[in-house]
């Protein structure tokens, strides 16, 4: 059975949720840099950066597919 935050992607595999520690490791940037990229008022704002999804009252995560797509778009 799927957890509430999991969805099925096109290959019928459950989507994986990436938390902050893993996200910083995958992207090679700091936590503060991630929040700068998400903040529209920041000069480092990136409208294409993956948006977090709320997992609970005080937790967020990112869809692994969105993260992978963003990384791939930067390595072209």
Protein backbone atom coordinates (compact mmCIF):
# COMPACT_ATOMS: atom_id res chain seq x y z
CA UNK A 1 0.00 0.00 0.00
CA UNK A 2 1.27 3.47 -0.87
CA UNK A 3 2.00 6.03 1.80
CA UNK A 4 -0.13 9.20 1.58
CA UNK A 5 2.67 11.26 -0.01
CA UNK A 6 3.58 8.64 -2.61
CA UNK A 7 2.14 8.66 -6.08
CA UNK A 8 2.63 6.44 -9.07
CA UNK A 9 4.82 7.76 -11.87
CA UNK A 10 4.64 6.69 -15.51
CA UNK A 11 6.68 3.53 -14.98
CA UNK A 12 4.35 2.31 -12.18
CA UNK A 13 7.08 2.83 -9.57
CA UNK A 14 6.25 4.79 -6.40
CA UNK A 15 7.72 8.28 -6.43
CA UNK A 16 10.48 8.78 -3.93
CA UNK A 17 10.54 11.78 -1.64
CA UNK A 18 13.92 13.41 -1.09
CA UNK A 19 14.47 15.16 2.23
CA UNK A 20 16.82 18.11 2.81
CA UNK A 21 19.94 16.14 3.80
CA UNK A 22 19.77 14.02 0.66
CA UNK A 23 18.87 17.02 -1.49
CA UNK A 24 21.96 18.95 -0.41
CA UNK A 25 24.12 15.90 -1.15
CA UNK A 26 22.55 15.33 -4.58
CA UNK A 27 22.86 18.95 -5.65
CA UNK A 28 26.13 19.75 -3.98
CA UNK A 29 24.79 22.98 -2.53
CA UNK A 30 23.99 24.08 1.00
CA UNK A 31 20.61 24.19 2.70
CA UNK A 32 20.68 28.00 2.70
CA UNK A 33 21.43 28.03 -1.05
CA UNK A 34 18.39 25.83 -1.65
CA UNK A 35 16.15 28.24 0.25
CA UNK A 36 17.71 31.17 -1.65
CA UNK A 37 16.76 29.49 -4.94
CA UNK A 38 13.18 29.08 -3.65
CA UNK A 39 12.78 32.68 -2.43
CA UNK A 40 11.36 35.00 -5.15
CA UNK A 41 12.85 38.02 -3.34
CA UNK A 42 16.38 36.60 -3.49
CA UNK A 43 18.79 37.54 -6.25
CA UNK A 44 19.56 33.80 -6.53
CA UNK A 45 15.92 32.86 -7.13
CA UNK A 46 15.44 30.11 -9.72
CA UNK A 47 11.88 29.76 -10.99
CA UNK A 48 12.74 26.31 -12.40
CA UNK A 49 14.04 24.96 -9.09
CA UNK A 50 11.94 22.03 -7.78
CA UNK A 51 9.26 23.15 -5.35
CA UNK A 52 8.99 21.38 -2.01
CA UNK A 53 5.87 19.50 -1.01
CA UNK A 54 4.51 19.59 2.52
CA UNK A 55 4.71 16.23 4.29
CA UNK A 56 3.43 17.33 7.67
CA UNK A 57 3.15 20.32 9.95
CA UNK A 58 6.91 20.88 10.09
CA UNK A 59 8.38 18.78 7.30
CA UNK A 60 8.87 19.11 3.58
CA UNK A 61 10.39 17.01 0.84
CA UNK A 62 10.99 17.12 -2.88
CA UNK A 63 9.83 14.67 -5.54
CA UNK A 64 12.88 12.78 -6.74
CA UNK A 65 11.73 13.05 -10.35
CA UNK A 66 11.60 16.86 -10.13
CA UNK A 67 15.05 16.95 -8.60
CA UNK A 68 16.47 14.61 -11.26
CA UNK A 69 14.93 16.70 -14.06
CA UNK A 70 16.37 19.92 -12.62
CA UNK A 71 19.83 18.41 -12.29
CA UNK A 72 19.65 17.04 -15.85
CA UNK A 73 18.65 20.47 -17.20
CA UNK A 74 21.80 21.97 -15.63
CA UNK A 75 24.22 19.39 -17.05
CA UNK A 76 23.41 19.91 -20.72
